[in-house]
PDB file of N, CA and C in Angstrom:
ATOM      1  N   MET A   1       7.625   7.064 -11.242  1.00  0.00           N
ATOM      2  CA  MET A   1       6.876   6.480 -10.163  1.00  0.00           C
ATOM      3  C   MET A   1       5.965   7.555  -9.565  1.00  0.00           C
ATOM      4  N   VAL A   2       4.767   7.147  -9.207  1.00  0.00           N
ATOM      5  CA  VAL A   2       3.815   8.055  -8.578  1.00  0.00           C
ATOM      6  C   VAL A   2       4.004   8.001  -7.074  1.00  0.00           C
ATOM      7  N   LYS A   3       4.027   9.178  -6.455  1.00  0.00           N
ATOM      8  CA  LYS A   3       4.159   9.270  -5.001  1.00  0.00           C
ATOM      9  C   LYS A   3       2.986  10.038  -4.438  1.00  0.00           C
ATOM     10  N   LEU A   4       2.575   9.636  -3.249  1.00  0.00           N
ATOM     11  CA  LEU A   4       1.599  10.406  -2.498  1.00  0.00           C
ATOM     12  C   LEU A   4       2.403  11.287  -1.560  1.00  0.00           C
ATOM     13  N   ARG A   5       2.289  12.604  -1.725  1.00  0.00           N
ATOM     14  CA  ARG A   5       3.117  13.497  -0.938  1.00  0.00           C
ATOM     15  C   ARG A   5       2.385  14.788  -0.626  1.00  0.00           C
ATOM     16  N   LEU A   6       3.040  15.634   0.177  1.00  0.00           N
ATOM     17  CA  LEU A   6       2.458  16.903   0.586  1.00  0.00           C
ATOM     18  C   LEU A   6       2.903  18.010  -0.362  1.00  0.00           C
ATOM     19  N   LYS A   7       1.959  18.866  -0.732  1.00  0.00           N
ATOM     20  CA  LYS A   7       2.249  20.045  -1.537  1.00  0.00           C
ATOM     21  C   LYS A   7       1.968  21.251  -0.663  1.00  0.00           C
ATOM     22  N   ARG A   8       2.987  22.060  -0.403  1.00  0.00           N
ATOM     23  CA  ARG A   8       2.855  23.178   0.532  1.00  0.00           C
ATOM     24  C   ARG A   8       2.159  24.365  -0.123  1.00  0.00           C
ATOM     25  N   SER A   9       1.290  24.997   0.660  1.00  0.00           N
ATOM     26  CA  SER A   9       0.678  26.265   0.275  1.00  0.00           C
ATOM     27  C   SER A   9       0.433  27.042   1.559  1.00  0.00           C
ATOM     28  N   GLY A  10      -0.092  28.246   1.466  1.00  0.00           N
ATOM     29  CA  GLY A  10      -0.309  29.059   2.651  1.00  0.00           C
ATOM     30  C   GLY A  10       0.763  30.118   2.788  1.00  0.00           C
ATOM     31  N   LYS A  11       0.681  30.888   3.876  1.00  0.00           N
ATOM     32  CA  LYS A  11       1.612  31.993   4.108  1.00  0.00           C
ATOM     33  C   LYS A  11       2.873  31.513   4.812  1.00  0.00           C
ATOM     34  N   LYS A  12       3.798  32.451   4.996  1.00  0.00           N
ATOM     35  CA  LYS A  12       4.990  32.161   5.792  1.00  0.00           C
ATOM     36  C   LYS A  12       4.565  31.858   7.216  1.00  0.00           C
ATOM     37  N   ARG A  13       5.189  30.881   7.797  1.00  0.00           N
ATOM     38  CA  ARG A  13       4.934  30.442   9.174  1.00  0.00           C
ATOM     39  C   ARG A  13       3.482  30.036   9.423  1.00  0.00           C
ATOM     40  N   ALA A  14       2.727  29.838   8.378  1.00  0.00           N
ATOM     41  CA  ALA A  14       1.345  29.360   8.497  1.00  0.00           C
ATOM     42  C   ALA A  14       1.121  28.353   7.373  1.00  0.00           C
ATOM     43  N   ALA A  15       1.804  27.243   7.481  1.00  0.00           N
ATOM     44  CA  ALA A  15       1.789  26.254   6.411  1.00  0.00           C
ATOM     45  C   ALA A  15       0.427  25.573   6.305  1.00  0.00           C
ATOM     46  N   PHE A  16       0.095  25.203   5.092  1.00  0.00           N
ATOM     47  CA  PHE A  16      -1.103  24.433   4.791  1.00  0.00           C
ATOM     48  C   PHE A  16      -0.713  23.495   3.666  1.00  0.00           C
ATOM     49  N   TYR A  17      -1.050  22.246   3.773  1.00  0.00           N
ATOM     50  CA  TYR A  17      -0.603  21.259   2.793  1.00  0.00           C
ATOM     51  C   TYR A  17      -1.777  20.602   2.095  1.00  0.00           C
ATOM     52  N   ARG A  18      -1.551  20.263   0.843  1.00  0.00           N
ATOM     53  CA  ARG A  18      -2.480  19.424   0.084  1.00  0.00           C
ATOM     54  C   ARG A  18      -1.812  18.066  -0.069  1.00  0.00           C
ATOM     55  N   ILE A  19      -2.575  17.019   0.139  1.00  0.00           N
ATOM     56  CA  ILE A  19      -2.069  15.659  -0.077  1.00  0.00           C
ATOM     57  C   ILE A  19      -2.409  15.303  -1.512  1.00  0.00           C
ATOM     58  N   VAL A  20      -1.375  15.068  -2.311  1.00  0.00           N
ATOM     59  CA  VAL A  20      -1.572  14.876  -3.742  1.00  0.00           C
ATOM     60  C   VAL A  20      -0.861  13.615  -4.229  1.00  0.00           C
ATOM     61  N   ALA A  21      -1.318  13.119  -5.371  1.00  0.00           N
ATOM     62  CA  ALA A  21      -0.610  12.076  -6.107  1.00  0.00           C
ATOM     63  C   ALA A  21       0.159  12.784  -7.212  1.00  0.00           C
ATOM     64  N   ALA A  22       1.483  12.656  -7.187  1.00  0.00           N
ATOM     65  CA  ALA A  22       2.313  13.367  -8.155  1.00  0.00           C
ATOM     66  C   ALA A  22       3.441  12.474  -8.638  1.00  0.00           C
ATOM     67  N   ASP A  23       3.938  12.786  -9.819  1.00  0.00           N
ATOM     68  CA  ASP A  23       5.104  12.090 -10.347  1.00  0.00           C
ATOM     69  C   ASP A  23       6.302  12.449  -9.471  1.00  0.00           C
ATOM     70  N   SER A  24       7.152  11.483  -9.178  1.00  0.00           N
ATOM     71  CA  SER A  24       8.271  11.706  -8.258  1.00  0.00           C
ATOM     72  C   SER A  24       9.311  12.672  -8.831  1.00  0.00           C
ATOM     73  N   ARG A  25       9.325  12.868 -10.149  1.00  0.00           N
ATOM     74  CA  ARG A  25      10.306  13.749 -10.770  1.00  0.00           C
ATOM     75  C   ARG A  25       9.893  15.218 -10.754  1.00  0.00           C
ATOM     76  N   VAL A  26       8.627  15.488 -10.436  1.00  0.00           N
ATOM     77  CA  VAL A  26       8.121  16.861 -10.415  1.00  0.00           C
ATOM     78  C   VAL A  26       8.483  17.505  -9.083  1.00  0.00           C
ATOM     79  N   GLN A  27       8.773  18.823  -9.103  1.00  0.00           N
ATOM     80  CA  GLN A  27       9.141  19.520  -7.877  1.00  0.00           C
ATOM     81  C   GLN A  27       7.988  19.526  -6.872  1.00  0.00           C
ATOM     82  N   ARG A  28       8.312  19.845  -5.626  1.00  0.00           N
ATOM     83  CA  ARG A  28       7.366  19.719  -4.516  1.00  0.00           C
ATOM     84  C   ARG A  28       6.067  20.479  -4.755  1.00  0.00           C
ATOM     85  N   ASP A  29       6.150  21.724  -5.160  1.00  0.00           N
ATOM     86  CA  ASP A  29       4.951  22.533  -5.364  1.00  0.00           C
ATOM     87  C   ASP A  29       4.537  22.585  -6.827  1.00  0.00           C
ATOM     88  N   GLY A  30       4.991  21.640  -7.600  1.00  0.00           N
ATOM     89  CA  GLY A  30       4.691  21.621  -9.025  1.00  0.00           C
ATOM     90  C   GLY A  30       3.362  20.962  -9.331  1.00  0.00           C
ATOM     91  N   GLN A  31       3.243  20.550 -10.567  1.00  0.00           N
ATOM     92  CA  GLN A  31       2.009  19.966 -11.065  1.00  0.00           C
ATOM     93  C   GLN A  31       1.761  18.605 -10.422  1.00  0.00           C
ATOM     94  N   TYR A  32       0.499  18.312 -10.140  1.00  0.00           N
ATOM     95  CA  TYR A  32       0.155  17.017  -9.563  1.00  0.00           C
ATOM     96  C   TYR A  32      -0.906  16.344 -10.408  1.00  0.00           C
ATOM     97  N   ILE A  33      -1.080  15.046 -10.187  1.00  0.00           N
ATOM     98  CA  ILE A  33      -2.029  14.259 -10.965  1.00  0.00           C
ATOM     99  C   ILE A  33      -3.437  14.378 -10.380  1.00  0.00           C
ATOM    100  N   GLU A  34      -3.550  14.177  -9.058  1.00  0.00           N
ATOM    101  CA  GLU A  34      -4.871  14.200  -8.433  1.00  0.00           C
ATOM    102  C   GLU A  34      -4.755  14.650  -6.978  1.00  0.00           C
ATOM    103  N   LEU A  35      -5.739  15.420  -6.537  1.00  0.00           N
ATOM    104  CA  LEU A  35      -5.808  15.887  -5.160  1.00  0.00           C
ATOM    105  C   LEU A  35      -6.506  14.824  -4.312  1.00  0.00           C
ATOM    106  N   ILE A  36      -5.854  14.431  -3.209  1.00  0.00           N
ATOM    107  CA  ILE A  36      -6.405  13.398  -2.342  1.00  0.00           C
ATOM    108  C   ILE A  36      -7.040  14.001  -1.096  1.00  0.00           C
ATOM    109  N   GLY A  37      -6.434  15.052  -0.561  1.00  0.00           N
ATOM    110  CA  GLY A  37      -6.974  15.671   0.635  1.00  0.00           C
ATOM    111  C   GLY A  37      -6.138  16.853   1.064  1.00  0.00           C
ATOM    112  N   THR A  38      -6.406  17.350   2.287  1.00  0.00           N
ATOM    113  CA  THR A  38      -5.665  18.478   2.827  1.00  0.00           C
ATOM    114  C   THR A  38      -5.214  18.173   4.245  1.00  0.00           C
ATOM    115  N   TYR A  39      -4.171  18.888   4.684  1.00  0.00           N
ATOM    116  CA  TYR A  39      -3.637  18.732   6.037  1.00  0.00           C
ATOM    117  C   TYR A  39      -3.229  20.105   6.552  1.00  0.00           C
ATOM    118  N   ASN A  40      -3.780  20.482   7.699  1.00  0.00           N
ATOM    119  CA  ASN A  40      -3.444  21.744   8.338  1.00  0.00           C
ATOM    120  C   ASN A  40      -2.694  21.428   9.624  1.00  0.00           C
ATOM    121  N   PRO A  41      -1.361  21.612   9.669  1.00  0.00           N
ATOM    122  CA  PRO A  41      -0.592  21.246  10.855  1.00  0.00           C
ATOM    123  C   PRO A  41      -0.791  22.180  12.045  1.00  0.00           C
ATOM    124  N   ILE A  42      -1.351  23.361  11.810  1.00  0.00           N
ATOM    125  CA  ILE A  42      -1.546  24.313  12.908  1.00  0.00           C
ATOM    126  C   ILE A  42      -2.603  23.798  13.888  1.00  0.00           C
ATOM    127  N   ASN A  43      -3.735  23.345  13.362  1.00  0.00           N
ATOM    128  CA  ASN A  43      -4.766  22.780  14.230  1.00  0.00           C
ATOM    129  C   ASN A  43      -4.924  21.265  14.046  1.00  0.00           C
ATOM    130  N   ASN A  44      -3.983  20.665  13.323  1.00  0.00           N
ATOM    131  CA  ASN A  44      -3.918  19.215  13.108  1.00  0.00           C
ATOM    132  C   ASN A  44      -5.201  18.670  12.483  1.00  0.00           C
ATOM    133  N   GLU A  45      -5.729  19.390  11.520  1.00  0.00           N
ATOM    134  CA  GLU A  45      -6.958  19.007  10.842  1.00  0.00           C
ATOM    135  C   GLU A  45      -6.628  18.311   9.525  1.00  0.00           C
ATOM    136  N   VAL A  46      -7.260  17.158   9.299  1.00  0.00           N
ATOM    137  CA  VAL A  46      -7.030  16.389   8.078  1.00  0.00           C
ATOM    138  C   VAL A  46      -8.366  16.138   7.395  1.00  0.00           C
ATOM    139  N   LYS A  47      -8.431  16.455   6.108  1.00  0.00           N
ATOM    140  CA  LYS A  47      -9.584  16.110   5.276  1.00  0.00           C
ATOM    141  C   LYS A  47      -9.033  15.206   4.180  1.00  0.00           C
ATOM    142  N   LEU A  48      -9.586  13.998   4.097  1.00  0.00           N
ATOM    143  CA  LEU A  48      -8.991  13.006   3.215  1.00  0.00           C
ATOM    144  C   LEU A  48     -10.081  12.221   2.508  1.00  0.00           C
ATOM    145  N   ASP A  49      -9.892  11.975   1.214  1.00  0.00           N
ATOM    146  CA  ASP A  49     -10.787  11.103   0.469  1.00  0.00           C
ATOM    147  C   ASP A  49     -10.157   9.707   0.483  1.00  0.00           C
ATOM    148  N   ASN A  50     -10.663   8.850   1.354  1.00  0.00           N
ATOM    149  CA  ASN A  50     -10.069   7.526   1.554  1.00  0.00           C
ATOM    150  C   ASN A  50     -10.118   6.661   0.303  1.00  0.00           C
ATOM    151  N   GLU A  51     -11.179   6.769  -0.479  1.00  0.00           N
ATOM    152  CA  GLU A  51     -11.317   5.927  -1.667  1.00  0.00           C
ATOM    153  C   GLU A  51     -10.249   6.247  -2.708  1.00  0.00           C
ATOM    154  N   ILE A  52      -9.988   7.529  -2.905  1.00  0.00           N
ATOM    155  CA  ILE A  52      -8.969   7.923  -3.893  1.00  0.00           C
ATOM    156  C   ILE A  52      -7.581   7.509  -3.406  1.00  0.00           C
ATOM    157  N   ALA A  53      -7.312   7.708  -2.124  1.00  0.00           N
ATOM    158  CA  ALA A  53      -6.014   7.309  -1.570  1.00  0.00           C
ATOM    159  C   ALA A  53      -5.812   5.803  -1.703  1.00  0.00           C
ATOM    160  N   LEU A  54      -6.848   5.038  -1.419  1.00  0.00           N
ATOM    161  CA  LEU A  54      -6.766   3.577  -1.530  1.00  0.00           C
ATOM    162  C   LEU A  54      -6.564   3.140  -2.972  1.00  0.00           C
ATOM    163  N   LYS A  55      -7.214   3.837  -3.903  1.00  0.00           N
ATOM    164  CA  LYS A  55      -7.057   3.523  -5.328  1.00  0.00           C
ATOM    165  C   LYS A  55      -5.601   3.688  -5.754  1.00  0.00           C
ATOM    166  N   TRP A  56      -4.972   4.812  -5.350  1.00  0.00           N
ATOM    167  CA  TRP A  56      -3.590   5.059  -5.735  1.00  0.00           C
ATOM    168  C   TRP A  56      -2.633   4.070  -5.078  1.00  0.00           C
ATOM    169  N   LEU A  57      -2.894   3.725  -3.825  1.00  0.00           N
ATOM    170  CA  LEU A  57      -2.028   2.761  -3.143  1.00  0.00           C
ATOM    171  C   LEU A  57      -2.125   1.382  -3.787  1.00  0.00           C
ATOM    172  N   GLN A  58      -3.314   0.992  -4.222  1.00  0.00           N
ATOM    173  CA  GLN A  58      -3.474  -0.302  -4.886  1.00  0.00           C
ATOM    174  C   GLN A  58      -2.792  -0.327  -6.251  1.00  0.00           C
ATOM    175  N   GLN A  59      -2.673   0.831  -6.884  1.00  0.00           N
ATOM    176  CA  GLN A  59      -2.010   0.903  -8.185  1.00  0.00           C
ATOM    177  C   GLN A  59      -0.493   0.992  -8.049  1.00  0.00           C
ATOM    178  N   GLY A  60       0.014   1.077  -6.809  1.00  0.00           N
ATOM    179  CA  GLY A  60       1.451   1.042  -6.601  1.00  0.00           C
ATOM    180  C   GLY A  60       2.089   2.361  -6.233  1.00  0.00           C
ATOM    181  N   ALA A  61       1.306   3.380  -5.937  1.00  0.00           N
ATOM    182  CA  ALA A  61       1.881   4.663  -5.532  1.00  0.00           C
ATOM    183  C   ALA A  61       2.524   4.519  -4.155  1.00  0.00           C
ATOM    184  N   GLN A  62       3.680   5.154  -3.984  1.00  0.00           N
ATOM    185  CA  GLN A  62       4.421   5.070  -2.729  1.00  0.00           C
ATOM    186  C   GLN A  62       4.202   6.342  -1.922  1.00  0.00           C
ATOM    187  N   PRO A  63       3.673   6.236  -0.694  1.00  0.00           N
ATOM    188  CA  PRO A  63       3.507   7.438   0.119  1.00  0.00           C
ATOM    189  C   PRO A  63       4.817   7.834   0.788  1.00  0.00           C
ATOM    190  N   THR A  64       5.008   9.137   0.996  1.00  0.00           N
ATOM    191  CA  THR A  64       6.158   9.594   1.756  1.00  0.00           C
ATOM    192  C   THR A  64       5.910   9.281   3.228  1.00  0.00           C
ATOM    193  N   ASP A  65       6.927   9.463   4.057  1.00  0.00           N
ATOM    194  CA  ASP A  65       6.795   9.105   5.473  1.00  0.00           C
ATOM    195  C   ASP A  65       5.687   9.899   6.167  1.00  0.00           C
ATOM    196  N   SER A  66       5.628  11.201   5.902  1.00  0.00           N
ATOM    197  CA  SER A  66       4.608  12.021   6.554  1.00  0.00           C
ATOM    198  C   SER A  66       3.205  11.673   6.064  1.00  0.00           C
ATOM    199  N   VAL A  67       3.052  11.388   4.781  1.00  0.00           N
ATOM    200  CA  VAL A  67       1.738  11.010   4.250  1.00  0.00           C
ATOM    201  C   VAL A  67       1.354   9.618   4.748  1.00  0.00           C
ATOM    202  N   ARG A  68       2.316   8.726   4.876  1.00  0.00           N
ATOM    203  CA  ARG A  68       2.031   7.392   5.407  1.00  0.00           C
ATOM    204  C   ARG A  68       1.485   7.490   6.833  1.00  0.00           C
ATOM    205  N   THR A  69       2.049   8.389   7.644  1.00  0.00           N
ATOM    206  CA  THR A  69       1.567   8.587   9.006  1.00  0.00           C
ATOM    207  C   THR A  69       0.136   9.108   9.003  1.00  0.00           C
ATOM    208  N   ILE A  70      -0.148  10.071   8.137  1.00  0.00           N
ATOM    209  CA  ILE A  70      -1.502  10.625   8.045  1.00  0.00           C
ATOM    210  C   ILE A  70      -2.487   9.555   7.597  1.00  0.00           C
ATOM    211  N   LEU A  71      -2.107   8.760   6.602  1.00  0.00           N
ATOM    212  CA  LEU A  71      -2.992   7.711   6.103  1.00  0.00           C
ATOM    213  C   LEU A  71      -3.243   6.627   7.148  1.00  0.00           C
ATOM    214  N   SER A  72      -2.216   6.271   7.888  1.00  0.00           N
ATOM    215  CA  SER A  72      -2.396   5.226   8.898  1.00  0.00           C
ATOM    216  C   SER A  72      -3.264   5.716  10.052  1.00  0.00           C
ATOM    217  N   LYS A  73      -3.178   7.001  10.416  1.00  0.00           N
ATOM    218  CA  LYS A  73      -4.038   7.538  11.465  1.00  0.00           C
ATOM    219  C   LYS A  73      -5.502   7.572  11.042  1.00  0.00           C
ATOM    220  N   ASN A  74      -5.745   7.670   9.734  1.00  0.00           N
ATOM    221  CA  ASN A  74      -7.108   7.683   9.219  1.00  0.00           C
ATOM    222  C   ASN A  74      -7.603   6.294   8.819  1.00  0.00           C
ATOM    223  N   GLY A  75      -6.783   5.269   8.989  1.00  0.00           N
ATOM    224  CA  GLY A  75      -7.208   3.895   8.739  1.00  0.00           C
ATOM    225  C   GLY A  75      -7.075   3.416   7.310  1.00  0.00           C
ATOM    226  N   VAL A  76      -6.457   4.189   6.445  1.00  0.00           N
ATOM    227  CA  VAL A  76      -6.328   3.784   5.042  1.00  0.00           C
ATOM    228  C   VAL A  76      -5.325   2.646   4.903  1.00  0.00           C
ATOM    229  N   MET A  77      -4.229   2.704   5.645  1.00  0.00           N
ATOM    230  CA  MET A  77      -3.197   1.673   5.526  1.00  0.00           C
ATOM    231  C   MET A  77      -3.698   0.323   6.048  1.00  0.00           C
ATOM    232  N   THR A  78      -4.499   0.321   7.102  1.00  0.00           N
ATOM    233  CA  THR A  78      -5.043  -0.952   7.604  1.00  0.00           C
ATOM    234  C   THR A  78      -6.047  -1.521   6.610  1.00  0.00           C
ATOM    235  N   THR A  79      -6.829  -0.660   5.967  1.00  0.00           N
ATOM    236  CA  THR A  79      -7.765  -1.120   4.940  1.00  0.00           C
ATOM    237  C   THR A  79      -7.012  -1.736   3.766  1.00  0.00           C
ATOM    238  N   LEU A  80      -5.924  -1.085   3.353  1.00  0.00           N
ATOM    239  CA  LEU A  80      -5.097  -1.619   2.267  1.00  0.00           C
ATOM    240  C   LEU A  80      -4.512  -2.970   2.651  1.00  0.00           C
ATOM    241  N   HIS A  81      -4.047  -3.089   3.873  1.00  0.00           N
ATOM    242  CA  HIS A  81      -3.478  -4.350   4.347  1.00  0.00           C
ATOM    243  C   HIS A  81      -4.531  -5.457   4.340  1.00  0.00           C
ATOM    244  N   ASP A  82      -5.747  -5.150   4.781  1.00  0.00           N
ATOM    245  CA  ASP A  82      -6.823  -6.141   4.786  1.00  0.00           C
ATOM    246  C   ASP A  82      -7.189  -6.582   3.378  1.00  0.00           C
ATOM    247  N   ILE A  83      -7.214  -5.639   2.442  1.00  0.00           N
ATOM    248  CA  ILE A  83      -7.533  -5.977   1.052  1.00  0.00           C
ATOM    249  C   ILE A  83      -6.457  -6.874   0.458  1.00  0.00           C
ATOM    250  N   LYS A  84      -5.191  -6.570   0.752  1.00  0.00           N
ATOM    251  CA  LYS A  84      -4.103  -7.399   0.226  1.00  0.00           C
ATOM    252  C   LYS A  84      -4.155  -8.817   0.796  1.00  0.00           C
ATOM    253  N   LEU A  85      -4.536  -8.942   2.074  1.00  0.00           N
ATOM    254  CA  LEU A  85      -4.634 -10.274   2.674  1.00  0.00           C
ATOM    255  C   LEU A  85      -5.769 -11.086   2.053  1.00  0.00           C
ATOM    256  N   LYS A  86      -6.868 -10.437   1.718  1.00  0.00           N
ATOM    257  CA  LYS A  86      -7.997 -11.142   1.100  1.00  0.00           C
ATOM    258  C   LYS A  86      -7.679 -11.580  -0.314  1.00  0.00           C
ATOM    259  N   ASN A  87      -6.881 -10.799  -1.038  1.00  0.00           N
ATOM    260  CA  ASN A  87      -6.586 -11.100  -2.438  1.00  0.00           C
ATOM    261  C   ASN A  87      -5.472 -12.116  -2.627  1.00  0.00           C
ATOM    262  N   THR A  88      -4.658 -12.355  -1.596  1.00  0.00           N
ATOM    263  CA  THR A  88      -3.587 -13.328  -1.762  1.00  0.00           C
ATOM    264  C   THR A  88      -4.154 -14.734  -1.684  1.00  0.00           C
ATOM    265  N   PRO A  89      -3.808 -15.586  -2.629  1.00  0.00           N
ATOM    266  CA  PRO A  89      -4.324 -16.953  -2.582  1.00  0.00           C
ATOM    267  C   PRO A  89      -3.661 -17.745  -1.458  1.00  0.00           C
ATOM    268  N   THR A  90      -4.459 -18.509  -0.776  1.00  0.00           N
ATOM    269  CA  THR A  90      -3.909 -19.340   0.294  1.00  0.00           C
ATOM    270  C   THR A  90      -3.438 -20.657  -0.305  1.00  0.00           C
ATOM    271  N   LYS A  91      -2.344 -21.148   0.196  1.00  0.00           N
ATOM    272  CA  LYS A  91      -1.807 -22.414  -0.290  1.00  0.00           C
ATOM    273  C   LYS A  91      -2.530 -23.557   0.410  1.00  0.00           C
ATOM    274  N   GLU A  92      -3.109 -24.426  -0.392  1.00  0.00           N
ATOM    275  CA  GLU A  92      -3.797 -25.579   0.181  1.00  0.00           C
ATOM    276  C   GLU A  92      -2.780 -26.671   0.458  1.00  0.00           C
ATOM    277  N   LYS A  93      -2.886 -27.247   1.621  1.00  0.00           N
ATOM    278  CA  LYS A  93      -1.970 -28.320   1.979  1.00  0.00           C
ATOM    279  C   LYS A  93      -2.514 -29.634   1.428  1.00  0.00           C
ATOM    280  N   LYS A  94      -1.697 -30.289   0.646  1.00  0.00           N
ATOM    281  CA  LYS A  94      -2.080 -31.572   0.087  1.00  0.00           C
ATOM    282  C   LYS A  94      -1.667 -32.658   1.072  1.00  0.00           C
ATOM    283  N   PRO A  95      -2.483 -33.689   1.162  1.00  0.00           N
ATOM    284  CA  PRO A  95      -2.079 -34.784   2.056  1.00  0.00           C
ATOM    285  C   PRO A  95      -0.847 -35.481   1.485  1.00  0.00           C
ATOM    286  N   LYS A  96       0.042 -35.829   2.376  1.00  0.00           N
ATOM    287  CA  LYS A  96       1.272 -36.488   1.950  1.00  0.00           C
ATOM    288  C   LYS A  96       0.980 -37.937   1.598  1.00  0.00           C
ATOM    289  N   THR A  97       1.537 -38.362   0.469  1.00  0.00           N
ATOM    290  CA  THR A  97       1.409 -39.758   0.086  1.00  0.00           C
ATOM    291  C   THR A  97       2.654 -40.491   0.548  1.00  0.00           C
ATOM    292  N   VAL A  98       2.430 -41.632   1.129  1.00  0.00           N
ATOM    293  CA  VAL A  98       3.532 -42.418   1.660  1.00  0.00           C
ATOM    294  C   VAL A  98       3.945 -43.422   0.602  1.00  0.00           C
ATOM    295  N   VAL A  99       5.210 -43.394   0.255  1.00  0.00           N
ATOM    296  CA  VAL A  99       5.756 -44.342  -0.715  1.00  0.00           C
ATOM    297  C   VAL A  99       6.670 -45.281   0.054  1.00  0.00           C
ATOM    298  N   LYS A 100       6.338 -46.560  -0.021  1.00  0.00           N
ATOM    299  CA  LYS A 100       7.152 -47.550   0.680  1.00  0.00           C
ATOM    300  C   LYS A 100       8.231 -48.054  -0.254  1.00  0.00           C
ATOM    301  N   LYS A 101       9.421 -48.085   0.245  1.00  0.00           N
ATOM    302  CA  LYS A 101      10.536 -48.607  -0.537  1.00  0.00           C
ATOM    303  C   LYS A 101      10.661 -50.091  -0.246  1.00  0.00           C
ATOM    304  N   THR A 102      10.846 -50.830  -1.314  1.00  0.00           N
ATOM    305  CA  THR A 102      11.013 -52.269  -1.151  1.00  0.00           C
ATOM    306  C   THR A 102      12.494 -52.594  -1.167  1.00  0.00           C
ATOM    307  N   THR A 103      12.851 -53.506  -0.304  1.00  0.00           N
ATOM    308  CA  THR A 103      14.259 -53.880  -0.225  1.00  0.00           C
ATOM    309  C   THR A 103      14.520 -55.237  -0.849  1.00  0.00           C
ATOM    310  N   THR A 104      13.478 -55.978  -1.102  1.00  0.00           N
ATOM    311  CA  THR A 104      13.702 -57.300  -1.700  1.00  0.00           C
ATOM    312  C   THR A 104      13.788 -57.180  -3.203  1.00  0.00           C
ATOM    313  N   LYS A 105      14.528 -58.070  -3.797  1.00  0.00           N
ATOM    314  CA  LYS A 105      14.710 -58.051  -5.249  1.00  0.00           C
ATOM    315  C   LYS A 105      13.463 -58.542  -5.968  1.00  0.00           C
ATOM    316  N   LYS A 106      12.701 -59.421  -5.335  1.00  0.00           N
ATOM    317  CA  LYS A 106      11.502 -59.953  -5.983  1.00  0.00           C
ATOM    318  C   LYS A 106      10.450 -58.859  -6.146  1.00  0.00           C
ATOM    319  N   ALA A 107      10.293 -57.989  -5.156  1.00  0.00           N
ATOM    320  CA  ALA A 107       9.294 -56.915  -5.235  1.00  0.00           C
ATOM    321  C   ALA A 107       9.708 -55.900  -6.279  1.00  0.00           C
ATOM    322  N   ALA A 108      10.994 -55.631  -6.420  1.00  0.00           N
ATOM    323  CA  ALA A 108      11.467 -54.695  -7.412  1.00  0.00           C
ATOM    324  C   ALA A 108      11.288 -55.230  -8.810  1.00  0.00           C
ATOM    325  N   VAL A 109      11.452 -56.530  -8.989  1.00  0.00           N
ATOM    326  CA  VAL A 109      11.274 -57.150 -10.289  1.00  0.00           C
ATOM    327  C   VAL A 109       9.794 -57.188 -10.651  1.00  0.00           C
ATOM    328  N   ALA A 110       8.925 -57.385  -9.670  1.00  0.00           N
ATOM    329  CA  ALA A 110       7.493 -57.497  -9.925  1.00  0.00           C
ATOM    330  C   ALA A 110       6.905 -56.168 -10.408  1.00  0.00           C
ATOM    331  N   GLU A 111       7.513 -55.093 -10.016  1.00  0.00           N
ATOM    332  CA  GLU A 111       6.995 -53.807 -10.449  1.00  0.00           C
ATOM    333  C   GLU A 111       7.343 -53.601 -11.874  1.00  0.00           C
TER     334      GLU A 111
END
């Protein structure tokens, strides 16, 4: 399964993260499939490519809790929700047909 998660880099006590799409079996700082953006928790700066993140989410990638928070603050999750609502088919209500039951034997025989 592909996950959208944080890959740590930077010095000790000065963390810097890359938001990446990676296989869930690969270690945290291991190989990744595609770079989506960066996150600097020291000054709370986020650089994100919304189109790439949306592409991975539509293909079924699962974001971790921290990445989900970052994506929702940048509006990616609401965009994904809107796209899913547009793509779901709406059920059309058919008019109900009324079937009358006959209780007389003559009407039942006539049918």
